[in-house]
PDB file of N, CA and C in Angstrom:
ATOM      1  N   MET A   1       0.801  -1.180   0.000  1.00  0.00           N
ATOM      2  CA  MET A   1       0.000   0.000   0.000  1.00  0.00           C
ATOM      3  C   MET A   1       0.855   1.260   0.000  1.00  0.00           C
ATOM      4  N   ALA A   2       2.130   1.123  -0.125  1.00  0.00           N
ATOM      5  CA  ALA A   2       3.006   2.290  -0.163  1.00  0.00           C
ATOM      6  C   ALA A   2       2.753   3.062  -1.447  1.00  0.00           C
ATOM      7  N   GLY A   3       2.925   4.354  -1.341  1.00  0.00           N
ATOM      8  CA  GLY A   3       2.691   5.178  -2.521  1.00  0.00           C
ATOM      9  C   GLY A   3       3.958   5.909  -2.917  1.00  0.00           C
ATOM     10  N   GLY A   4       3.916   6.540  -4.053  1.00  0.00           N
ATOM     11  CA  GLY A   4       5.079   7.310  -4.500  1.00  0.00           C
ATOM     12  C   GLY A   4       6.222   6.397  -4.864  1.00  0.00           C
ATOM     13  N   TRP A   5       7.429   6.726  -4.371  1.00  0.00           N
ATOM     14  CA  TRP A   5       8.628   5.973  -4.720  1.00  0.00           C
ATOM     15  C   TRP A   5       8.906   4.817  -3.759  1.00  0.00           C
ATOM     16  N   ALA A   6       8.115   4.706  -2.698  1.00  0.00           N
ATOM     17  CA  ALA A   6       8.351   3.646  -1.718  1.00  0.00           C
ATOM     18  C   ALA A   6       7.890   2.297  -2.267  1.00  0.00           C
ATOM     19  N   ARG A   7       8.597   1.256  -1.893  1.00  0.00           N
ATOM     20  CA  ARG A   7       8.230  -0.083  -2.354  1.00  0.00           C
ATOM     21  C   ARG A   7       7.086  -0.621  -1.502  1.00  0.00           C
ATOM     22  N   ASP A   8       6.451  -1.679  -1.967  1.00  0.00           N
ATOM     23  CA  ASP A   8       5.348  -2.277  -1.230  1.00  0.00           C
ATOM     24  C   ASP A   8       5.841  -2.792   0.118  1.00  0.00           C
ATOM     25  N   GLY A   9       5.054  -2.542   1.151  1.00  0.00           N
ATOM     26  CA  GLY A   9       5.394  -3.020   2.485  1.00  0.00           C
ATOM     27  C   GLY A   9       6.319  -2.089   3.260  1.00  0.00           C
ATOM     28  N   ALA A  10       6.752  -0.998   2.660  1.00  0.00           N
ATOM     29  CA  ALA A  10       7.690  -0.093   3.333  1.00  0.00           C
ATOM     30  C   ALA A  10       7.065   0.555   4.562  1.00  0.00           C
ATOM     31  N   VAL A  11       5.795   0.900   4.485  1.00  0.00           N
ATOM     32  CA  VAL A  11       5.120   1.543   5.608  1.00  0.00           C
ATOM     33  C   VAL A  11       5.018   0.570   6.779  1.00  0.00           C
ATOM     34  N   SER A  12       4.631  -0.651   6.495  1.00  0.00           N
ATOM     35  CA  SER A  12       4.533  -1.666   7.550  1.00  0.00           C
ATOM     36  C   SER A  12       5.890  -1.930   8.191  1.00  0.00           C
ATOM     37  N   GLU A  13       6.919  -1.988   7.387  1.00  0.00           N
ATOM     38  CA  GLU A  13       8.264  -2.204   7.921  1.00  0.00           C
ATOM     39  C   GLU A  13       8.699  -1.048   8.812  1.00  0.00           C
ATOM     40  N   GLN A  14       8.349   0.166   8.430  1.00  0.00           N
ATOM     41  CA  GLN A  14       8.698   1.324   9.239  1.00  0.00           C
ATOM     42  C   GLN A  14       7.982   1.279  10.591  1.00  0.00           C
ATOM     43  N   ILE A  15       6.720   0.924  10.582  1.00  0.00           N
ATOM     44  CA  ILE A  15       5.959   0.823  11.825  1.00  0.00           C
ATOM     45  C   ILE A  15       6.535  -0.271  12.709  1.00  0.00           C
ATOM     46  N   GLU A  16       6.824  -1.433  12.148  1.00  0.00           N
ATOM     47  CA  GLU A  16       7.394  -2.531  12.915  1.00  0.00           C
ATOM     48  C   GLU A  16       8.758  -2.154  13.487  1.00  0.00           C
ATOM     49  N   ALA A  17       9.570  -1.438  12.723  1.00  0.00           N
ATOM     50  CA  ALA A  17      10.881  -1.007  13.202  1.00  0.00           C
ATOM     51  C   ALA A  17      10.738  -0.009  14.346  1.00  0.00           C
ATOM     52  N   SER A  18       9.770   0.887  14.247  1.00  0.00           N
ATOM     53  CA  SER A  18       9.542   1.855  15.321  1.00  0.00           C
ATOM     54  C   SER A  18       9.100   1.157  16.600  1.00  0.00           C
ATOM     55  N   ILE A  19       8.231   0.177  16.470  1.00  0.00           N
ATOM     56  CA  ILE A  19       7.766  -0.575  17.631  1.00  0.00           C
ATOM     57  C   ILE A  19       8.923  -1.338  18.256  1.00  0.00           C
ATOM     58  N   SER A  20       9.751  -1.975  17.447  1.00  0.00           N
ATOM     59  CA  SER A  20      10.904  -2.719  17.963  1.00  0.00           C
ATOM     60  C   SER A  20      11.883  -1.799  18.681  1.00  0.00           C
ATOM     61  N   ASP A  21      12.121  -0.622  18.116  1.00  0.00           N
ATOM     62  CA  ASP A  21      13.020   0.341  18.758  1.00  0.00           C
ATOM     63  C   ASP A  21      12.489   0.787  20.112  1.00  0.00           C
ATOM     64  N   GLU A  22      11.198   1.053  20.179  1.00  0.00           N
ATOM     65  CA  GLU A  22      10.600   1.509  21.434  1.00  0.00           C
ATOM     66  C   GLU A  22      10.618   0.405  22.486  1.00  0.00           C
ATOM     67  N   LEU A  23      10.340  -0.829  22.086  1.00  0.00           N
ATOM     68  CA  LEU A  23      10.405  -1.946  23.029  1.00  0.00           C
ATOM     69  C   LEU A  23      11.824  -2.144  23.547  1.00  0.00           C
ATOM     70  N   ALA A  24      12.812  -2.022  22.685  1.00  0.00           N
ATOM     71  CA  ALA A  24      14.209  -2.145  23.109  1.00  0.00           C
ATOM     72  C   ALA A  24      14.580  -1.037  24.077  1.00  0.00           C
ATOM     73  N   ARG A  25      14.079   0.181  23.835  1.00  0.00           N
ATOM     74  CA  ARG A  25      14.364   1.297  24.732  1.00  0.00           C
ATOM     75  C   ARG A  25      13.733   1.063  26.102  1.00  0.00           C
ATOM     76  N   LEU A  26      12.511   0.536  26.129  1.00  0.00           N
ATOM     77  CA  LEU A  26      11.847   0.267  27.403  1.00  0.00           C
ATOM     78  C   LEU A  26      12.532  -0.858  28.172  1.00  0.00           C
ATOM     79  N   LYS A  27      12.980  -1.894  27.475  1.00  0.00           N
ATOM     80  CA  LYS A  27      13.694  -2.980  28.140  1.00  0.00           C
ATOM     81  C   LYS A  27      15.017  -2.513  28.710  1.00  0.00           C
ATOM     82  N   ALA A  28      15.658  -1.558  28.033  1.00  0.00           N
ATOM     83  CA  ALA A  28      16.956  -1.054  28.484  1.00  0.00           C
ATOM     84  C   ALA A  28      16.833  -0.271  29.784  1.00  0.00           C
ATOM     85  N   ARG A  29      15.696   0.340  30.043  1.00  0.00           N
ATOM     86  CA  ARG A  29      15.549   1.110  31.271  1.00  0.00           C
ATOM     87  C   ARG A  29      14.679   0.381  32.284  1.00  0.00           C
ATOM     88  N   ARG A  30      14.846  -0.936  32.343  1.00  0.00           N
ATOM     89  CA  ARG A  30      14.050  -1.773  33.246  1.00  0.00           C
ATOM     90  C   ARG A  30      14.146  -1.320  34.689  1.00  0.00           C
ATOM     91  N   GLY A  31      15.298  -0.947  35.154  1.00  0.00           N
ATOM     92  CA  GLY A  31      15.444  -0.523  36.538  1.00  0.00           C
ATOM     93  C   GLY A  31      16.695  -1.103  37.147  1.00  0.00           C
ATOM     94  N   PRO A  32      16.885  -0.825  38.409  1.00  0.00           N
ATOM     95  CA  PRO A  32      18.101  -1.289  39.069  1.00  0.00           C
ATOM     96  C   PRO A  32      18.131  -2.809  39.210  1.00  0.00           C
ATOM     97  N   GLU A  33      19.312  -3.353  39.105  1.00  0.00           N
ATOM     98  CA  GLU A  33      19.518  -4.785  39.318  1.00  0.00           C
ATOM     99  C   GLU A  33      20.782  -4.955  40.135  1.00  0.00           C
ATOM    100  N   GLY A  34      20.952  -6.123  40.695  1.00  0.00           N
ATOM    101  CA  GLY A  34      22.151  -6.399  41.465  1.00  0.00           C
ATOM    102  C   GLY A  34      21.922  -6.138  42.935  1.00  0.00           C
ATOM    103  N   GLU A  35      22.995  -5.873  43.637  1.00  0.00           N
ATOM    104  CA  GLU A  35      22.933  -5.681  45.078  1.00  0.00           C
ATOM    105  C   GLU A  35      22.594  -4.227  45.414  1.00  0.00           C
ATOM    106  N   SER A  36      21.695  -4.052  46.373  1.00  0.00           N
ATOM    107  CA  SER A  36      21.304  -2.712  46.797  1.00  0.00           C
ATOM    108  C   SER A  36      22.400  -2.100  47.666  1.00  0.00           C
ATOM    109  N   LEU A  37      22.499  -0.785  47.603  1.00  0.00           N
ATOM    110  CA  LEU A  37      23.410  -0.073  48.488  1.00  0.00           C
ATOM    111  C   LEU A  37      22.734   0.138  49.832  1.00  0.00           C
ATOM    112  N   THR A  38      23.505   0.228  50.894  1.00  0.00           N
ATOM    113  CA  THR A  38      22.939   0.514  52.217  1.00  0.00           C
ATOM    114  C   THR A  38      22.825   2.011  52.449  1.00  0.00           C
ATOM    115  N   GLU A  39      23.629   2.792  51.693  1.00  0.00           N
ATOM    116  CA  GLU A  39      23.576   4.248  51.793  1.00  0.00           C
ATOM    117  C   GLU A  39      23.341   4.828  50.401  1.00  0.00           C
ATOM    118  N   CYS A  40      22.638   5.946  50.351  1.00  0.00           N
ATOM    119  CA  CYS A  40      22.308   6.607  49.090  1.00  0.00           C
ATOM    120  C   CYS A  40      23.582   7.022  48.355  1.00  0.00           C
ATOM    121  N   ALA A  41      23.591   6.820  47.049  1.00  0.00           N
ATOM    122  CA  ALA A  41      24.752   7.164  46.234  1.00  0.00           C
ATOM    123  C   ALA A  41      24.931   8.674  46.092  1.00  0.00           C
ATOM    124  N   GLU A  42      23.886   9.455  46.348  1.00  0.00           N
ATOM    125  CA  GLU A  42      23.978  10.905  46.193  1.00  0.00           C
ATOM    126  C   GLU A  42      24.167  11.637  47.514  1.00  0.00           C
ATOM    127  N   CYS A  43      23.315  11.345  48.498  1.00  0.00           N
ATOM    128  CA  CYS A  43      23.371  12.103  49.756  1.00  0.00           C
ATOM    129  C   CYS A  43      23.977  11.319  50.913  1.00  0.00           C
ATOM    130  N   GLU A  44      24.256  10.047  50.713  1.00  0.00           N
ATOM    131  CA  GLU A  44      24.876   9.161  51.704  1.00  0.00           C
ATOM    132  C   GLU A  44      24.011   8.918  52.942  1.00  0.00           C
ATOM    133  N   GLU A  45      22.701   9.177  52.834  1.00  0.00           N
ATOM    134  CA  GLU A  45      21.773   8.840  53.914  1.00  0.00           C
ATOM    135  C   GLU A  45      21.479   7.340  53.842  1.00  0.00           C
ATOM    136  N   PRO A  46      21.190   6.706  54.977  1.00  0.00           N
ATOM    137  CA  PRO A  46      20.870   5.273  54.929  1.00  0.00           C
ATOM    138  C   PRO A  46      19.584   4.990  54.145  1.00  0.00           C
ATOM    139  N   ILE A  47      19.614   3.925  53.358  1.00  0.00           N
ATOM    140  CA  ILE A  47      18.428   3.488  52.618  1.00  0.00           C
ATOM    141  C   ILE A  47      17.702   2.473  53.491  1.00  0.00           C
ATOM    142  N   PRO A  48      16.403   2.679  53.763  1.00  0.00           N
ATOM    143  CA  PRO A  48      15.665   1.757  54.629  1.00  0.00           C
ATOM    144  C   PRO A  48      15.683   0.319  54.094  1.00  0.00           C
ATOM    145  N   GLU A  49      15.719  -0.617  55.019  1.00  0.00           N
ATOM    146  CA  GLU A  49      15.745  -2.045  54.670  1.00  0.00           C
ATOM    147  C   GLU A  49      14.553  -2.429  53.793  1.00  0.00           C
ATOM    148  N   ALA A  50      13.368  -1.901  54.125  1.00  0.00           N
ATOM    149  CA  ALA A  50      12.163  -2.240  53.353  1.00  0.00           C
ATOM    150  C   ALA A  50      12.317  -1.824  51.890  1.00  0.00           C
ATOM    151  N   ARG A  51      12.943  -0.671  51.635  1.00  0.00           N
ATOM    152  CA  ARG A  51      13.149  -0.208  50.255  1.00  0.00           C
ATOM    153  C   ARG A  51      14.138  -1.114  49.543  1.00  0.00           C
ATOM    154  N   ARG A  52      15.199  -1.525  50.229  1.00  0.00           N
ATOM    155  CA  ARG A  52      16.206  -2.399  49.606  1.00  0.00           C
ATOM    156  C   ARG A  52      15.629  -3.763  49.265  1.00  0.00           C
ATOM    157  N   VAL A  53      14.700  -4.247  50.081  1.00  0.00           N
ATOM    158  CA  VAL A  53      14.072  -5.542  49.808  1.00  0.00           C
ATOM    159  C   VAL A  53      13.050  -5.406  48.672  1.00  0.00           C
ATOM    160  N   ALA A  54      12.288  -4.303  48.682  1.00  0.00           N
ATOM    161  CA  ALA A  54      11.236  -4.112  47.675  1.00  0.00           C
ATOM    162  C   ALA A  54      11.805  -3.864  46.283  1.00  0.00           C
ATOM    163  N   ILE A  55      12.947  -3.158  46.210  1.00  0.00           N
ATOM    164  CA  ILE A  55      13.545  -2.818  44.914  1.00  0.00           C
ATOM    165  C   ILE A  55      14.996  -3.306  44.909  1.00  0.00           C
ATOM    166  N   PRO A  56      15.234  -4.537  44.472  1.00  0.00           N
ATOM    167  CA  PRO A  56      16.614  -5.037  44.435  1.00  0.00           C
ATOM    168  C   PRO A  56      17.491  -4.169  43.541  1.00  0.00           C
ATOM    169  N   GLY A  57      18.653  -3.809  44.034  1.00  0.00           N
ATOM    170  CA  GLY A  57      19.591  -3.016  43.253  1.00  0.00           C
ATOM    171  C   GLY A  57      19.403  -1.518  43.411  1.00  0.00           C
ATOM    172  N   VAL A  58      18.594  -1.100  44.373  1.00  0.00           N
ATOM    173  CA  VAL A  58      18.332   0.325  44.562  1.00  0.00           C
ATOM    174  C   VAL A  58      19.620   1.044  44.988  1.00  0.00           C
ATOM    175  N   LYS A  59      19.824   2.239  44.422  1.00  0.00           N
ATOM    176  CA  LYS A  59      21.042   3.003  44.704  1.00  0.00           C
ATOM    177  C   LYS A  59      20.754   4.344  45.372  1.00  0.00           C
ATOM    178  N   LEU A  60      19.478   4.792  45.346  1.00  0.00           N
ATOM    179  CA  LEU A  60      19.122   6.104  45.877  1.00  0.00           C
ATOM    180  C   LEU A  60      18.086   5.983  46.980  1.00  0.00           C
ATOM    181  N   CYS A  61      18.139   6.930  47.927  1.00  0.00           N
ATOM    182  CA  CYS A  61      17.101   6.987  48.954  1.00  0.00           C
ATOM    183  C   CYS A  61      15.812   7.521  48.330  1.00  0.00           C
ATOM    184  N   ILE A  62      14.743   7.501  49.082  1.00  0.00           N
ATOM    185  CA  ILE A  62      13.443   7.905  48.548  1.00  0.00           C
ATOM    186  C   ILE A  62      13.459   9.373  48.125  1.00  0.00           C
ATOM    187  N   ASP A  63      14.038  10.235  48.949  1.00  0.00           N
ATOM    188  CA  ASP A  63      14.052  11.670  48.631  1.00  0.00           C
ATOM    189  C   ASP A  63      14.825  11.955  47.343  1.00  0.00           C
ATOM    190  N   CYS A  64      16.009  11.376  47.204  1.00  0.00           N
ATOM    191  CA  CYS A  64      16.817  11.602  46.002  1.00  0.00           C
ATOM    192  C   CYS A  64      16.134  11.029  44.765  1.00  0.00           C
ATOM    193  N   GLN A  65      15.484   9.870  44.913  1.00  0.00           N
ATOM    194  CA  GLN A  65      14.776   9.274  43.780  1.00  0.00           C
ATOM    195  C   GLN A  65      13.598  10.142  43.364  1.00  0.00           C
ATOM    196  N   GLN A  66      12.882  10.712  44.336  1.00  0.00           N
ATOM    197  CA  GLN A  66      11.754  11.592  44.010  1.00  0.00           C
ATOM    198  C   GLN A  66      12.237  12.843  43.287  1.00  0.00           C
ATOM    199  N   GLU A  67      13.369  13.403  43.701  1.00  0.00           N
ATOM    200  CA  GLU A  67      13.928  14.572  43.022  1.00  0.00           C
ATOM    201  C   GLU A  67      14.302  14.224  41.578  1.00  0.00           C
ATOM    202  N   ARG A  68      14.914  13.066  41.394  1.00  0.00           N
ATOM    203  CA  ARG A  68      15.313  12.644  40.046  1.00  0.00           C
ATOM    204  C   ARG A  68      14.088  12.401  39.168  1.00  0.00           C
ATOM    205  N   ASP A  69      13.050  11.772  39.734  1.00  0.00           N
ATOM    206  CA  ASP A  69      11.825  11.519  38.970  1.00  0.00           C
ATOM    207  C   ASP A  69      11.123  12.817  38.594  1.00  0.00           C
ATOM    208  N   ALA A  70      11.139  13.807  39.496  1.00  0.00           N
ATOM    209  CA  ALA A  70      10.491  15.091  39.212  1.00  0.00           C
ATOM    210  C   ALA A  70      11.236  15.842  38.111  1.00  0.00           C
ATOM    211  N   ALA A  71      12.539  15.647  38.013  1.00  0.00           N
ATOM    212  CA  ALA A  71      13.336  16.336  37.003  1.00  0.00           C
ATOM    213  C   ALA A  71      13.223  15.673  35.639  1.00  0.00           C
ATOM    214  N   HIS A  72      12.724  14.445  35.582  1.00  0.00           N
ATOM    215  CA  HIS A  72      12.621  13.711  34.318  1.00  0.00           C
ATOM    216  C   HIS A  72      11.593  14.368  33.414  1.00  0.00           C
ATOM    217  N   GLN A  73      11.992  14.665  32.190  1.00  0.00           N
ATOM    218  CA  GLN A  73      11.100  15.240  31.193  1.00  0.00           C
ATOM    219  C   GLN A  73      10.737  14.156  30.185  1.00  0.00           C
ATOM    220  N   PRO A  74       9.469  13.743  30.129  1.00  0.00           N
ATOM    221  CA  PRO A  74       9.105  12.716  29.148  1.00  0.00           C
ATOM    222  C   PRO A  74       9.274  13.237  27.728  1.00  0.00           C
ATOM    223  N   ARG A  75       9.720  12.348  26.858  1.00  0.00           N
ATOM    224  CA  ARG A  75       9.916  12.753  25.469  1.00  0.00           C
ATOM    225  C   ARG A  75       8.595  12.687  24.719  1.00  0.00           C
ATOM    226  N   GLY A  76       8.496  13.463  23.682  1.00  0.00           N
ATOM    227  CA  GLY A  76       7.270  13.526  22.902  1.00  0.00           C
ATOM    228  C   GLY A  76       7.087  12.290  22.039  1.00  0.00           C
ATOM    229  N   GLY A  77       5.872  12.054  21.653  1.00  0.00           N
ATOM    230  CA  GLY A  77       5.579  10.920  20.778  1.00  0.00           C
ATOM    231  C   GLY A  77       5.959  11.223  19.341  1.00  0.00           C
ATOM    232  N   ILE A  78       5.791  10.248  18.504  1.00  0.00           N
ATOM    233  CA  ILE A  78       6.120  10.397  17.090  1.00  0.00           C
ATOM    234  C   ILE A  78       4.831  10.602  16.318  1.00  0.00           C
ATOM    235  N   ASN A  79       4.766  11.678  15.556  1.00  0.00           N
ATOM    236  CA  ASN A  79       3.592  11.944  14.743  1.00  0.00           C
ATOM    237  C   ASN A  79       3.842  11.350  13.355  1.00  0.00           C
ATOM    238  N   ARG A  80       3.105  10.319  13.016  1.00  0.00           N
ATOM    239  CA  ARG A  80       3.306   9.638  11.742  1.00  0.00           C
ATOM    240  C   ARG A  80       2.388  10.159  10.643  1.00  0.00           C
ATOM    241  N   ARG A  81       1.590  11.125  10.942  1.00  0.00           N
ATOM    242  CA  ARG A  81       0.622  11.592   9.938  1.00  0.00           C
ATOM    243  C   ARG A  81       1.298  12.349   8.806  1.00  0.00           C
ATOM    244  N   GLY A  82       2.423  12.959   9.085  1.00  0.00           N
ATOM    245  CA  GLY A  82       3.161  13.631   8.026  1.00  0.00           C
ATOM    246  C   GLY A  82       2.542  14.935   7.589  1.00  0.00           C
ATOM    247  N   SER A  83       1.718  15.549   8.436  1.00  0.00           N
ATOM    248  CA  SER A  83       1.124  16.824   8.050  1.00  0.00           C
ATOM    249  C   SER A  83       2.178  17.923   8.123  1.00  0.00           C
ATOM    250  N   LYS A  84       1.896  19.032   7.477  1.00  0.00           N
ATOM    251  CA  LYS A  84       2.840  20.147   7.489  1.00  0.00           C
ATOM    252  C   LYS A  84       3.027  20.669   8.911  1.00  0.00           C
ATOM    253  N   ASP A  85       1.964  20.657   9.726  1.00  0.00           N
ATOM    254  CA  ASP A  85       2.070  21.132  11.098  1.00  0.00           C
ATOM    255  C   ASP A  85       3.065  20.281  11.891  1.00  0.00           C
ATOM    256  N   SER A  86       3.007  18.964  11.708  1.00  0.00           N
ATOM    257  CA  SER A  86       3.903  18.090  12.468  1.00  0.00           C
ATOM    258  C   SER A  86       5.349  18.245  12.014  1.00  0.00           C
ATOM    259  N   GLN A  87       5.578  18.645  10.781  1.00  0.00           N
ATOM    260  CA  GLN A  87       6.920  18.797  10.281  1.00  0.00           C
ATOM    261  C   GLN A  87       7.561  20.110  10.732  1.00  0.00           C
ATOM    262  N   LEU A  88       6.755  21.044  11.208  1.00  0.00           N
ATOM    263  CA  LEU A  88       7.273  22.329  11.656  1.00  0.00           C
ATOM    264  C   LEU A  88       7.831  22.264  13.075  1.00  0.00           C
ATOM    265  N   LYS A  89       7.519  21.233  13.826  1.00  0.00           N
ATOM    266  CA  LYS A  89       7.965  21.129  15.222  1.00  0.00           C
ATOM    267  C   LYS A  89       9.410  20.742  15.313  1.00  0.00           C
TER     268      LYS A  89
END
């Protein structure tokens, strides 16, 4: 169903590649693994035992993790419609 100069199936392949890339990105940021620290890597405050058991591999205390999460800026989605408005961003 591809139009113009694109070969048949090119659109489907692009969508599948985008989905695969996004799944790989999500798997890469699964979370901490390994042994938990007893003290926060940033402020050196003790990390509670309950947090270390609940999240194996935790490196930050609750306060430092909340600060880091608040600073995180989610990235925008991909607009596949190809309108002129989406290309101006």
